[in-house]
Amino acid sequence: MPRRDMVAGDGPDGPVRTCVGCRSRAVQSDLVRLVAVGTAITPDTRGRRPGRGAYLHDDRRCLELAERRRVWSRAYRRGAGDAGWDLSPVEALLDAAPRGG
């Protein structure tokens, strides 16, 4: 008898993560992993950089929501306050992404 968790179509096709911007859950492959390198938040497109990761949809609205909610210090478990985070690597990735339709 096959295990219930091994049956096709029983659940998501991979690990599920939460977008730090919109707070919706999605399959990990649909999100961009971000890591903190010092005070710079850097996209980890290969998913191999060491350290704590936060996940974000490839959408500028989610980035704006994350900034408005001041999530970075919580996401990376760093001290209080979100002043000084460099988001330019994430913004560059979002600007370079093709617009889906």
PDB file of N, CA and C in Angstrom:
ATOM      1  N   MET A   1       0.850  -1.183   0.000  1.00  0.00           N
ATOM      2  CA  MET A   1       0.000   0.000   0.000  1.00  0.00           C
ATOM      3  C   MET A   1       0.893   1.242   0.000  1.00  0.00           C
ATOM      4  N   PRO A   2       0.733   2.186  -0.941  1.00  0.00           N
ATOM      5  CA  PRO A   2       1.576   3.390  -0.973  1.00  0.00           C
ATOM      6  C   PRO A   2       1.271   4.310   0.202  1.00  0.00           C
ATOM      7  N   ARG A   3       2.314   4.966   0.651  1.00  0.00           N
ATOM      8  CA  ARG A   3       2.127   5.938   1.730  1.00  0.00           C
ATOM      9  C   ARG A   3       1.306   7.110   1.225  1.00  0.00           C
ATOM     10  N   ARG A   4       0.484   7.665   2.077  1.00  0.00           N
ATOM     11  CA  ARG A   4      -0.384   8.777   1.703  1.00  0.00           C
ATOM     12  C   ARG A   4       0.412   9.984   1.234  1.00  0.00           C
ATOM     13  N   ASP A   5       1.563  10.286   1.864  1.00  0.00           N
ATOM     14  CA  ASP A   5       2.346  11.459   1.481  1.00  0.00           C
ATOM     15  C   ASP A   5       3.119  11.242   0.184  1.00  0.00           C
ATOM     16  N   MET A   6       3.067  10.046  -0.382  1.00  0.00           N
ATOM     17  CA  MET A   6       3.772   9.755  -1.619  1.00  0.00           C
ATOM     18  C   MET A   6       2.831   9.742  -2.826  1.00  0.00           C
ATOM     19  N   VAL A   7       1.547   9.916  -2.603  1.00  0.00           N
ATOM     20  CA  VAL A   7       0.567   9.868  -3.677  1.00  0.00           C
ATOM     21  C   VAL A   7       0.635  11.166  -4.477  1.00  0.00           C
ATOM     22  N   ALA A   8       0.702  11.046  -5.795  1.00  0.00           N
ATOM     23  CA  ALA A   8       0.774  12.228  -6.665  1.00  0.00           C
ATOM     24  C   ALA A   8      -0.489  13.067  -6.522  1.00  0.00           C
ATOM     25  N   GLY A   9      -0.325  14.381  -6.534  1.00  0.00           N
ATOM     26  CA  GLY A   9      -1.454  15.289  -6.459  1.00  0.00           C
ATOM     27  C   GLY A   9      -1.981  15.484  -5.048  1.00  0.00           C
ATOM     28  N   ASP A  10      -1.302  14.921  -4.077  1.00  0.00           N
ATOM     29  CA  ASP A  10      -1.757  14.995  -2.693  1.00  0.00           C
ATOM     30  C   ASP A  10      -1.401  16.329  -2.039  1.00  0.00           C
ATOM     31  N   GLY A  11      -0.400  17.039  -2.555  1.00  0.00           N
ATOM     32  CA  GLY A  11       0.038  18.277  -1.943  1.00  0.00           C
ATOM     33  C   GLY A  11       0.867  19.083  -2.924  1.00  0.00           C
ATOM     34  N   PRO A  12       1.569  20.094  -2.407  1.00  0.00           N
ATOM     35  CA  PRO A  12       2.385  20.936  -3.280  1.00  0.00           C
ATOM     36  C   PRO A  12       3.563  20.158  -3.862  1.00  0.00           C
ATOM     37  N   ASP A  13       4.065  20.627  -4.983  1.00  0.00           N
ATOM     38  CA  ASP A  13       5.192  19.980  -5.658  1.00  0.00           C
ATOM     39  C   ASP A  13       6.516  20.502  -5.136  1.00  0.00           C
ATOM     40  N   GLY A  14       6.735  20.425  -3.858  1.00  0.00           N
ATOM     41  CA  GLY A  14       7.983  20.862  -3.255  1.00  0.00           C
ATOM     42  C   GLY A  14       7.730  21.594  -1.959  1.00  0.00           C
ATOM     43  N   PRO A  15       8.810  22.054  -1.341  1.00  0.00           N
ATOM     44  CA  PRO A  15       8.671  22.772  -0.069  1.00  0.00           C
ATOM     45  C   PRO A  15       7.868  24.060  -0.237  1.00  0.00           C
ATOM     46  N   VAL A  16       7.102  24.395   0.779  1.00  0.00           N
ATOM     47  CA  VAL A  16       6.288  25.611   0.763  1.00  0.00           C
ATOM     48  C   VAL A  16       6.948  26.641   1.669  1.00  0.00           C
ATOM     49  N   ARG A  17       7.044  27.875   1.200  1.00  0.00           N
ATOM     50  CA  ARG A  17       7.624  28.977   1.956  1.00  0.00           C
ATOM     51  C   ARG A  17       6.635  30.137   1.952  1.00  0.00           C
ATOM     52  N   THR A  18       6.856  31.115   2.845  1.00  0.00           N
ATOM     53  CA  THR A  18       5.995  32.288   2.942  1.00  0.00           C
ATOM     54  C   THR A  18       6.744  33.508   2.430  1.00  0.00           C
ATOM     55  N   CYS A  19       6.117  34.270   1.550  1.00  0.00           N
ATOM     56  CA  CYS A  19       6.687  35.516   1.041  1.00  0.00           C
ATOM     57  C   CYS A  19       6.695  36.533   2.179  1.00  0.00           C
ATOM     58  N   VAL A  20       7.860  37.168   2.427  1.00  0.00           N
ATOM     59  CA  VAL A  20       7.947  38.146   3.515  1.00  0.00           C
ATOM     60  C   VAL A  20       7.195  39.427   3.185  1.00  0.00           C
ATOM     61  N   GLY A  21       6.833  39.626   1.920  1.00  0.00           N
ATOM     62  CA  GLY A  21       6.095  40.821   1.535  1.00  0.00           C
ATOM     63  C   GLY A  21       4.608  40.663   1.719  1.00  0.00           C
ATOM     64  N   CYS A  22       4.007  39.794   0.925  1.00  0.00           N
ATOM     65  CA  CYS A  22       2.546  39.648   0.942  1.00  0.00           C
ATOM     66  C   CYS A  22       2.063  38.608   1.950  1.00  0.00           C
ATOM     67  N   ARG A  23       2.973  37.849   2.522  1.00  0.00           N
ATOM     68  CA  ARG A  23       2.682  36.824   3.541  1.00  0.00           C
ATOM     69  C   ARG A  23       1.871  35.644   2.994  1.00  0.00           C
ATOM     70  N   SER A  24       1.791  35.494   1.683  1.00  0.00           N
ATOM     71  CA  SER A  24       1.101  34.323   1.147  1.00  0.00           C
ATOM     72  C   SER A  24       2.097  33.180   0.998  1.00  0.00           C
ATOM     73  N   ARG A  25       1.574  31.968   1.095  1.00  0.00           N
ATOM     74  CA  ARG A  25       2.411  30.785   0.991  1.00  0.00           C
ATOM     75  C   ARG A  25       2.481  30.348  -0.459  1.00  0.00           C
ATOM     76  N   ALA A  26       3.674  29.903  -0.875  1.00  0.00           N
ATOM     77  CA  ALA A  26       3.858  29.455  -2.249  1.00  0.00           C
ATOM     78  C   ALA A  26       4.937  28.374  -2.267  1.00  0.00           C
ATOM     79  N   VAL A  27       4.959  27.610  -3.336  1.00  0.00           N
ATOM     80  CA  VAL A  27       6.014  26.627  -3.519  1.00  0.00           C
ATOM     81  C   VAL A  27       7.341  27.365  -3.603  1.00  0.00           C
ATOM     82  N   GLN A  28       8.350  26.834  -2.951  1.00  0.00           N
ATOM     83  CA  GLN A  28       9.649  27.498  -2.861  1.00  0.00           C
ATOM     84  C   GLN A  28      10.202  27.907  -4.229  1.00  0.00           C
ATOM     85  N   SER A  29       9.963  27.097  -5.255  1.00  0.00           N
ATOM     86  CA  SER A  29      10.484  27.396  -6.584  1.00  0.00           C
ATOM     87  C   SER A  29       9.827  28.632  -7.209  1.00  0.00           C
ATOM     88  N   ASP A  30       8.688  29.076  -6.678  1.00  0.00           N
ATOM     89  CA  ASP A  30       8.021  30.274  -7.185  1.00  0.00           C
ATOM     90  C   ASP A  30       8.496  31.551  -6.503  1.00  0.00           C
ATOM     91  N   LEU A  31       9.389  31.423  -5.535  1.00  0.00           N
ATOM     92  CA  LEU A  31       9.882  32.563  -4.765  1.00  0.00           C
ATOM     93  C   LEU A  31      11.376  32.736  -4.970  1.00  0.00           C
ATOM     94  N   VAL A  32      11.875  33.923  -4.650  1.00  0.00           N
ATOM     95  CA  VAL A  32      13.304  34.208  -4.700  1.00  0.00           C
ATOM     96  C   VAL A  32      13.832  34.165  -3.274  1.00  0.00           C
ATOM     97  N   ARG A  33      14.902  33.406  -3.051  1.00  0.00           N
ATOM     98  CA  ARG A  33      15.513  33.357  -1.720  1.00  0.00           C
ATOM     99  C   ARG A  33      16.450  34.553  -1.590  1.00  0.00           C
ATOM    100  N   LEU A  34      16.362  35.223  -0.452  1.00  0.00           N
ATOM    101  CA  LEU A  34      17.209  36.374  -0.165  1.00  0.00           C
ATOM    102  C   LEU A  34      18.038  36.076   1.068  1.00  0.00           C
ATOM    103  N   VAL A  35      19.306  36.459   1.049  1.00  0.00           N
ATOM    104  CA  VAL A  35      20.173  36.299   2.211  1.00  0.00           C
ATOM    105  C   VAL A  35      20.788  37.649   2.543  1.00  0.00           C
ATOM    106  N   ALA A  36      21.134  37.829   3.814  1.00  0.00           N
ATOM    107  CA  ALA A  36      21.786  39.063   4.249  1.00  0.00           C
ATOM    108  C   ALA A  36      23.289  38.830   4.242  1.00  0.00           C
ATOM    109  N   VAL A  37      23.998  39.672   3.501  1.00  0.00           N
ATOM    110  CA  VAL A  37      25.457  39.664   3.484  1.00  0.00           C
ATOM    111  C   VAL A  37      25.865  41.007   4.068  1.00  0.00           C
ATOM    112  N   GLY A  38      26.181  41.012   5.353  1.00  0.00           N
ATOM    113  CA  GLY A  38      26.379  42.280   6.049  1.00  0.00           C
ATOM    114  C   GLY A  38      25.034  42.964   6.151  1.00  0.00           C
ATOM    115  N   THR A  39      24.953  44.180   5.601  1.00  0.00           N
ATOM    116  CA  THR A  39      23.681  44.901   5.582  1.00  0.00           C
ATOM    117  C   THR A  39      23.030  44.882   4.202  1.00  0.00           C
ATOM    118  N   ALA A  40      23.640  44.177   3.264  1.00  0.00           N
ATOM    119  CA  ALA A  40      23.066  44.067   1.915  1.00  0.00           C
ATOM    120  C   ALA A  40      22.196  42.820   1.838  1.00  0.00           C
ATOM    121  N   ILE A  41      21.015  42.987   1.322  1.00  0.00           N
ATOM    122  CA  ILE A  41      20.126  41.850   1.098  1.00  0.00           C
ATOM    123  C   ILE A  41      20.331  41.419  -0.348  1.00  0.00           C
ATOM    124  N   THR A  42      20.797  40.197  -0.509  1.00  0.00           N
ATOM    125  CA  THR A  42      21.246  39.706  -1.800  1.00  0.00           C
ATOM    126  C   THR A  42      20.394  38.535  -2.269  1.00  0.00           C
ATOM    127  N   PRO A  43      19.962  38.547  -3.518  1.00  0.00           N
ATOM    128  CA  PRO A  43      19.223  37.396  -4.045  1.00  0.00           C
ATOM    129  C   PRO A  43      20.135  36.168  -4.112  1.00  0.00           C
ATOM    130  N   ASP A  44      19.615  35.044  -3.728  1.00  0.00           N
ATOM    131  CA  ASP A  44      20.334  33.774  -3.790  1.00  0.00           C
ATOM    132  C   ASP A  44      19.595  32.904  -4.790  1.00  0.00           C
ATOM    133  N   THR A  45      19.801  33.175  -6.066  1.00  0.00           N
ATOM    134  CA  THR A  45      19.031  32.514  -7.111  1.00  0.00           C
ATOM    135  C   THR A  45      19.327  31.019  -7.203  1.00  0.00           C
ATOM    136  N   ARG A  46      20.509  30.580  -6.776  1.00  0.00           N
ATOM    137  CA  ARG A  46      20.834  29.152  -6.810  1.00  0.00           C
ATOM    138  C   ARG A  46      20.424  28.442  -5.524  1.00  0.00           C
ATOM    139  N   GLY A  47      20.103  29.205  -4.476  1.00  0.00           N
ATOM    140  CA  GLY A  47      19.664  28.609  -3.224  1.00  0.00           C
ATOM    141  C   GLY A  47      20.758  27.907  -2.452  1.00  0.00           C
ATOM    142  N   ARG A  48      22.006  28.367  -2.613  1.00  0.00           N
ATOM    143  CA  ARG A  48      23.123  27.672  -1.992  1.00  0.00           C
ATOM    144  C   ARG A  48      23.947  28.518  -1.036  1.00  0.00           C
ATOM    145  N   ARG A  49      23.621  29.780  -0.907  1.00  0.00           N
ATOM    146  CA  ARG A  49      24.417  30.634  -0.017  1.00  0.00           C
ATOM    147  C   ARG A  49      24.143  30.247   1.437  1.00  0.00           C
ATOM    148  N   PRO A  50      25.163  30.347   2.260  1.00  0.00           N
ATOM    149  CA  PRO A  50      24.956  30.004   3.670  1.00  0.00           C
ATOM    150  C   PRO A  50      24.167  31.092   4.390  1.00  0.00           C
ATOM    151  N   GLY A  51      23.602  30.718   5.490  1.00  0.00           N
ATOM    152  CA  GLY A  51      22.890  31.683   6.317  1.00  0.00           C
ATOM    153  C   GLY A  51      21.388  31.570   6.193  1.00  0.00           C
ATOM    154  N   ARG A  52      20.753  32.368   6.987  1.00  0.00           N
ATOM    155  CA  ARG A  52      19.297  32.382   7.060  1.00  0.00           C
ATOM    156  C   ARG A  52      18.724  33.016   5.799  1.00  0.00           C
ATOM    157  N   GLY A  53      17.710  32.416   5.243  1.00  0.00           N
ATOM    158  CA  GLY A  53      17.093  32.944   4.038  1.00  0.00           C
ATOM    159  C   GLY A  53      15.693  33.467   4.310  1.00  0.00           C
ATOM    160  N   ALA A  54      15.295  34.435   3.512  1.00  0.00           N
ATOM    161  CA  ALA A  54      13.922  34.942   3.511  1.00  0.00           C
ATOM    162  C   ALA A  54      13.449  34.818   2.067  1.00  0.00           C
ATOM    163  N   TYR A  55      12.164  34.631   1.878  1.00  0.00           N
ATOM    164  CA  TYR A  55      11.631  34.391   0.538  1.00  0.00           C
ATOM    165  C   TYR A  55      10.683  35.508   0.128  1.00  0.00           C
ATOM    166  N   LEU A  56      10.741  35.854  -1.169  1.00  0.00           N
ATOM    167  CA  LEU A  56       9.968  36.963  -1.712  1.00  0.00           C
ATOM    168  C   LEU A  56       9.504  36.592  -3.112  1.00  0.00           C
ATOM    169  N   HIS A  57       8.261  36.962  -3.448  1.00  0.00           N
ATOM    170  CA  HIS A  57       7.810  36.801  -4.827  1.00  0.00           C
ATOM    171  C   HIS A  57       8.638  37.711  -5.725  1.00  0.00           C
ATOM    172  N   ASP A  58       8.779  37.328  -6.968  1.00  0.00           N
ATOM    173  CA  ASP A  58       9.526  38.118  -7.953  1.00  0.00           C
ATOM    174  C   ASP A  58       8.623  39.251  -8.449  1.00  0.00           C
ATOM    175  N   ASP A  59       8.236  40.122  -7.516  1.00  0.00           N
ATOM    176  CA  ASP A  59       7.258  41.173  -7.793  1.00  0.00           C
ATOM    177  C   ASP A  59       7.601  42.397  -6.932  1.00  0.00           C
ATOM    178  N   ARG A  60       7.702  43.533  -7.554  1.00  0.00           N
ATOM    179  CA  ARG A  60       8.068  44.759  -6.834  1.00  0.00           C
ATOM    180  C   ARG A  60       7.048  45.102  -5.739  1.00  0.00           C
ATOM    181  N   ARG A  61       5.775  44.759  -5.955  1.00  0.00           N
ATOM    182  CA  ARG A  61       4.763  45.038  -4.917  1.00  0.00           C
ATOM    183  C   ARG A  61       5.076  44.304  -3.626  1.00  0.00           C
ATOM    184  N   CYS A  62       5.556  43.071  -3.732  1.00  0.00           N
ATOM    185  CA  CYS A  62       5.916  42.310  -2.525  1.00  0.00           C
ATOM    186  C   CYS A  62       7.123  42.943  -1.839  1.00  0.00           C
ATOM    187  N   LEU A  63       8.076  43.440  -2.610  1.00  0.00           N
ATOM    188  CA  LEU A  63       9.227  44.124  -2.022  1.00  0.00           C
ATOM    189  C   LEU A  63       8.770  45.386  -1.300  1.00  0.00           C
ATOM    190  N   GLU A  64       7.867  46.144  -1.909  1.00  0.00           N
ATOM    191  CA  GLU A  64       7.352  47.358  -1.269  1.00  0.00           C
ATOM    192  C   GLU A  64       6.593  47.035   0.014  1.00  0.00           C
ATOM    193  N   LEU A  65       5.813  45.962   0.004  1.00  0.00           N
ATOM    194  CA  LEU A  65       5.111  45.545   1.222  1.00  0.00           C
ATOM    195  C   LEU A  65       6.105  45.152   2.317  1.00  0.00           C
ATOM    196  N   ALA A  66       7.142  44.434   1.937  1.00  0.00           N
ATOM    197  CA  ALA A  66       8.156  44.025   2.917  1.00  0.00           C
ATOM    198  C   ALA A  66       8.843  45.250   3.526  1.00  0.00           C
ATOM    199  N   GLU A  67       9.155  46.236   2.696  1.00  0.00           N
ATOM    200  CA  GLU A  67       9.783  47.461   3.203  1.00  0.00           C
ATOM    201  C   GLU A  67       8.827  48.200   4.140  1.00  0.00           C
ATOM    202  N   ARG A  68       7.557  48.317   3.738  1.00  0.00           N
ATOM    203  CA  ARG A  68       6.570  49.021   4.549  1.00  0.00           C
ATOM    204  C   ARG A  68       6.373  48.335   5.903  1.00  0.00           C
ATOM    205  N   ARG A  69       6.415  46.998   5.903  1.00  0.00           N
ATOM    206  CA  ARG A  69       6.222  46.243   7.132  1.00  0.00           C
ATOM    207  C   ARG A  69       7.511  46.097   7.955  1.00  0.00           C
ATOM    208  N   ARG A  70       8.624  46.554   7.407  1.00  0.00           N
ATOM    209  CA  ARG A  70       9.935  46.498   8.098  1.00  0.00           C
ATOM    210  C   ARG A  70      10.282  45.090   8.550  1.00  0.00           C
ATOM    211  N   VAL A  71      10.333  44.182   7.594  1.00  0.00           N
ATOM    212  CA  VAL A  71      10.501  42.769   7.912  1.00  0.00           C
ATOM    213  C   VAL A  71      11.950  42.300   8.035  1.00  0.00           C
ATOM    214  N   TRP A  72      12.896  43.070   7.539  1.00  0.00           N
ATOM    215  CA  TRP A  72      14.256  42.546   7.365  1.00  0.00           C
ATOM    216  C   TRP A  72      14.935  42.150   8.672  1.00  0.00           C
ATOM    217  N   SER A  73      14.834  42.954   9.694  1.00  0.00           N
ATOM    218  CA  SER A  73      15.482  42.601  10.965  1.00  0.00           C
ATOM    219  C   SER A  73      14.861  41.350  11.572  1.00  0.00           C
ATOM    220  N   ARG A  74      13.566  41.202  11.447  1.00  0.00           N
ATOM    221  CA  ARG A  74      12.905  39.985  11.951  1.00  0.00           C
ATOM    222  C   ARG A  74      13.279  38.778  11.108  1.00  0.00           C
ATOM    223  N   ALA A  75      13.257  38.945   9.801  1.00  0.00           N
ATOM    224  CA  ALA A  75      13.535  37.826   8.899  1.00  0.00           C
ATOM    225  C   ALA A  75      14.938  37.271   9.100  1.00  0.00           C
ATOM    226  N   TYR A  76      15.891  38.155   9.374  1.00  0.00           N
ATOM    227  CA  TYR A  76      17.276  37.711   9.529  1.00  0.00           C
ATOM    228  C   TYR A  76      17.711  37.632  10.982  1.00  0.00           C
ATOM    229  N   ARG A  77      16.743  37.837  11.886  1.00  0.00           N
ATOM    230  CA  ARG A  77      16.991  37.748  13.332  1.00  0.00           C
ATOM    231  C   ARG A  77      18.187  38.601  13.752  1.00  0.00           C
ATOM    232  N   ARG A  78      18.111  39.847  13.337  1.00  0.00           N
ATOM    233  CA  ARG A  78      19.135  40.809  13.708  1.00  0.00           C
ATOM    234  C   ARG A  78      18.512  41.832  14.646  1.00  0.00           C
ATOM    235  N   GLY A  79      19.312  42.702  15.221  1.00  0.00           N
ATOM    236  CA  GLY A  79      18.844  43.680  16.204  1.00  0.00           C
ATOM    237  C   GLY A  79      17.645  44.494  15.752  1.00  0.00           C
ATOM    238  N   ALA A  80      17.144  45.301  16.645  1.00  0.00           N
ATOM    239  CA  ALA A  80      15.951  46.111  16.376  1.00  0.00           C
ATOM    240  C   ALA A  80      16.228  47.162  15.318  1.00  0.00           C
ATOM    241  N   GLY A  81      15.196  47.498  14.581  1.00  0.00           N
ATOM    242  CA  GLY A  81      15.285  48.563  13.580  1.00  0.00           C
ATOM    243  C   GLY A  81      15.672  48.042  12.218  1.00  0.00           C
ATOM    244  N   ASP A  82      15.126  48.668  11.195  1.00  0.00           N
ATOM    245  CA  ASP A  82      15.418  48.261   9.824  1.00  0.00           C
ATOM    246  C   ASP A  82      16.222  49.303   9.069  1.00  0.00           C
ATOM    247  N   ALA A  83      16.777  50.250   9.764  1.00  0.00           N
ATOM    248  CA  ALA A  83      17.572  51.277   9.091  1.00  0.00           C
ATOM    249  C   ALA A  83      18.872  50.672   8.575  1.00  0.00           C
ATOM    250  N   GLY A  84      19.258  51.071   7.394  1.00  0.00           N
ATOM    251  CA  GLY A  84      20.558  50.688   6.874  1.00  0.00           C
ATOM    252  C   GLY A  84      20.600  49.446   6.004  1.00  0.00           C
ATOM    253  N   TRP A  85      19.488  48.807   5.717  1.00  0.00           N
ATOM    254  CA  TRP A  85      19.503  47.648   4.833  1.00  0.00           C
ATOM    255  C   TRP A  85      19.648  48.114   3.390  1.00  0.00           C
ATOM    256  N   ASP A  86      20.558  47.504   2.657  1.00  0.00           N
ATOM    257  CA  ASP A  86      20.788  47.833   1.247  1.00  0.00           C
ATOM    258  C   ASP A  86      19.983  46.862   0.390  1.00  0.00           C
ATOM    259  N   LEU A  87      18.935  47.356  -0.244  1.00  0.00           N
ATOM    260  CA  LEU A  87      18.055  46.526  -1.067  1.00  0.00           C
ATOM    261  C   LEU A  87      18.369  46.625  -2.558  1.00  0.00           C
ATOM    262  N   SER A  88      19.423  47.348  -2.916  1.00  0.00           N
ATOM    263  CA  SER A  88      19.717  47.560  -4.337  1.00  0.00           C
ATOM    264  C   SER A  88      19.950  46.259  -5.115  1.00  0.00           C
ATOM    265  N   PRO A  89      20.592  45.212  -4.549  1.00  0.00           N
ATOM    266  CA  PRO A  89      20.708  43.972  -5.330  1.00  0.00           C
ATOM    267  C   PRO A  89      19.349  43.333  -5.640  1.00  0.00           C
ATOM    268  N   VAL A  90      18.401  43.417  -4.712  1.00  0.00           N
ATOM    269  CA  VAL A  90      17.064  42.860  -4.934  1.00  0.00           C
ATOM    270  C   VAL A  90      16.329  43.700  -5.966  1.00  0.00           C
ATOM    271  N   GLU A  91      16.423  45.024  -5.847  1.00  0.00           N
ATOM    272  CA  GLU A  91      15.768  45.907  -6.814  1.00  0.00           C
ATOM    273  C   GLU A  91      16.314  45.684  -8.216  1.00  0.00           C
ATOM    274  N   ALA A  92      17.624  45.470  -8.341  1.00  0.00           N
ATOM    275  CA  ALA A  92      18.232  45.215  -9.651  1.00  0.00           C
ATOM    276  C   ALA A  92      17.694  43.914 -10.252  1.00  0.00           C
ATOM    277  N   LEU A  93      17.533  42.893  -9.423  1.00  0.00           N
ATOM    278  CA  LEU A  93      16.984  41.619  -9.904  1.00  0.00           C
ATOM    279  C   LEU A  93      15.544  41.800 -10.371  1.00  0.00           C
ATOM    280  N   LEU A  94      14.740  42.515  -9.600  1.00  0.00           N
ATOM    281  CA  LEU A  94      13.335  42.725  -9.977  1.00  0.00           C
ATOM    282  C   LEU A  94      13.217  43.572 -11.236  1.00  0.00           C
ATOM    283  N   ASP A  95      14.094  44.558 -11.404  1.00  0.00           N
ATOM    284  CA  ASP A  95      14.069  45.394 -12.603  1.00  0.00           C
ATOM    285  C   ASP A  95      14.467  44.608 -13.846  1.00  0.00           C
ATOM    286  N   ALA A  96      15.354  43.616 -13.674  1.00  0.00           N
ATOM    287  CA  ALA A  96      15.833  42.822 -14.793  1.00  0.00           C
ATOM    288  C   ALA A  96      14.888  41.689 -15.157  1.00  0.00           C
ATOM    289  N   ALA A  97      13.955  41.357 -14.263  1.00  0.00           N
ATOM    290  CA  ALA A  97      13.048  40.230 -14.495  1.00  0.00           C
ATOM    291  C   ALA A  97      12.067  40.560 -15.618  1.00  0.00           C
ATOM    292  N   PRO A  98      11.816  39.590 -16.502  1.00  0.00           N
ATOM    293  CA  PRO A  98      10.815  39.822 -17.554  1.00  0.00           C
ATOM    294  C   PRO A  98       9.428  39.923 -16.946  1.00  0.00           C
ATOM    295  N   ARG A  99       8.621  40.765 -17.509  1.00  0.00           N
ATOM    296  CA  ARG A  99       7.255  40.968 -17.010  1.00  0.00           C
ATOM    297  C   ARG A  99       6.351  39.917 -17.626  1.00  0.00           C
ATOM    298  N   GLY A 100       5.732  39.114 -16.761  1.00  0.00           N
ATOM    299  CA  GLY A 100       4.795  38.084 -17.245  1.00  0.00           C
ATOM    300  C   GLY A 100       3.452  38.693 -17.580  1.00  0.00           C
ATOM    301  N   GLY A 101       2.673  38.027 -18.379  1.00  0.00           N
ATOM    302  CA  GLY A 101       1.395  38.615 -18.743  1.00  0.00           C
ATOM    303  C   GLY A 101       0.277  37.696 -18.738  1.00  0.00           C
TER     304      GLY A 101
END
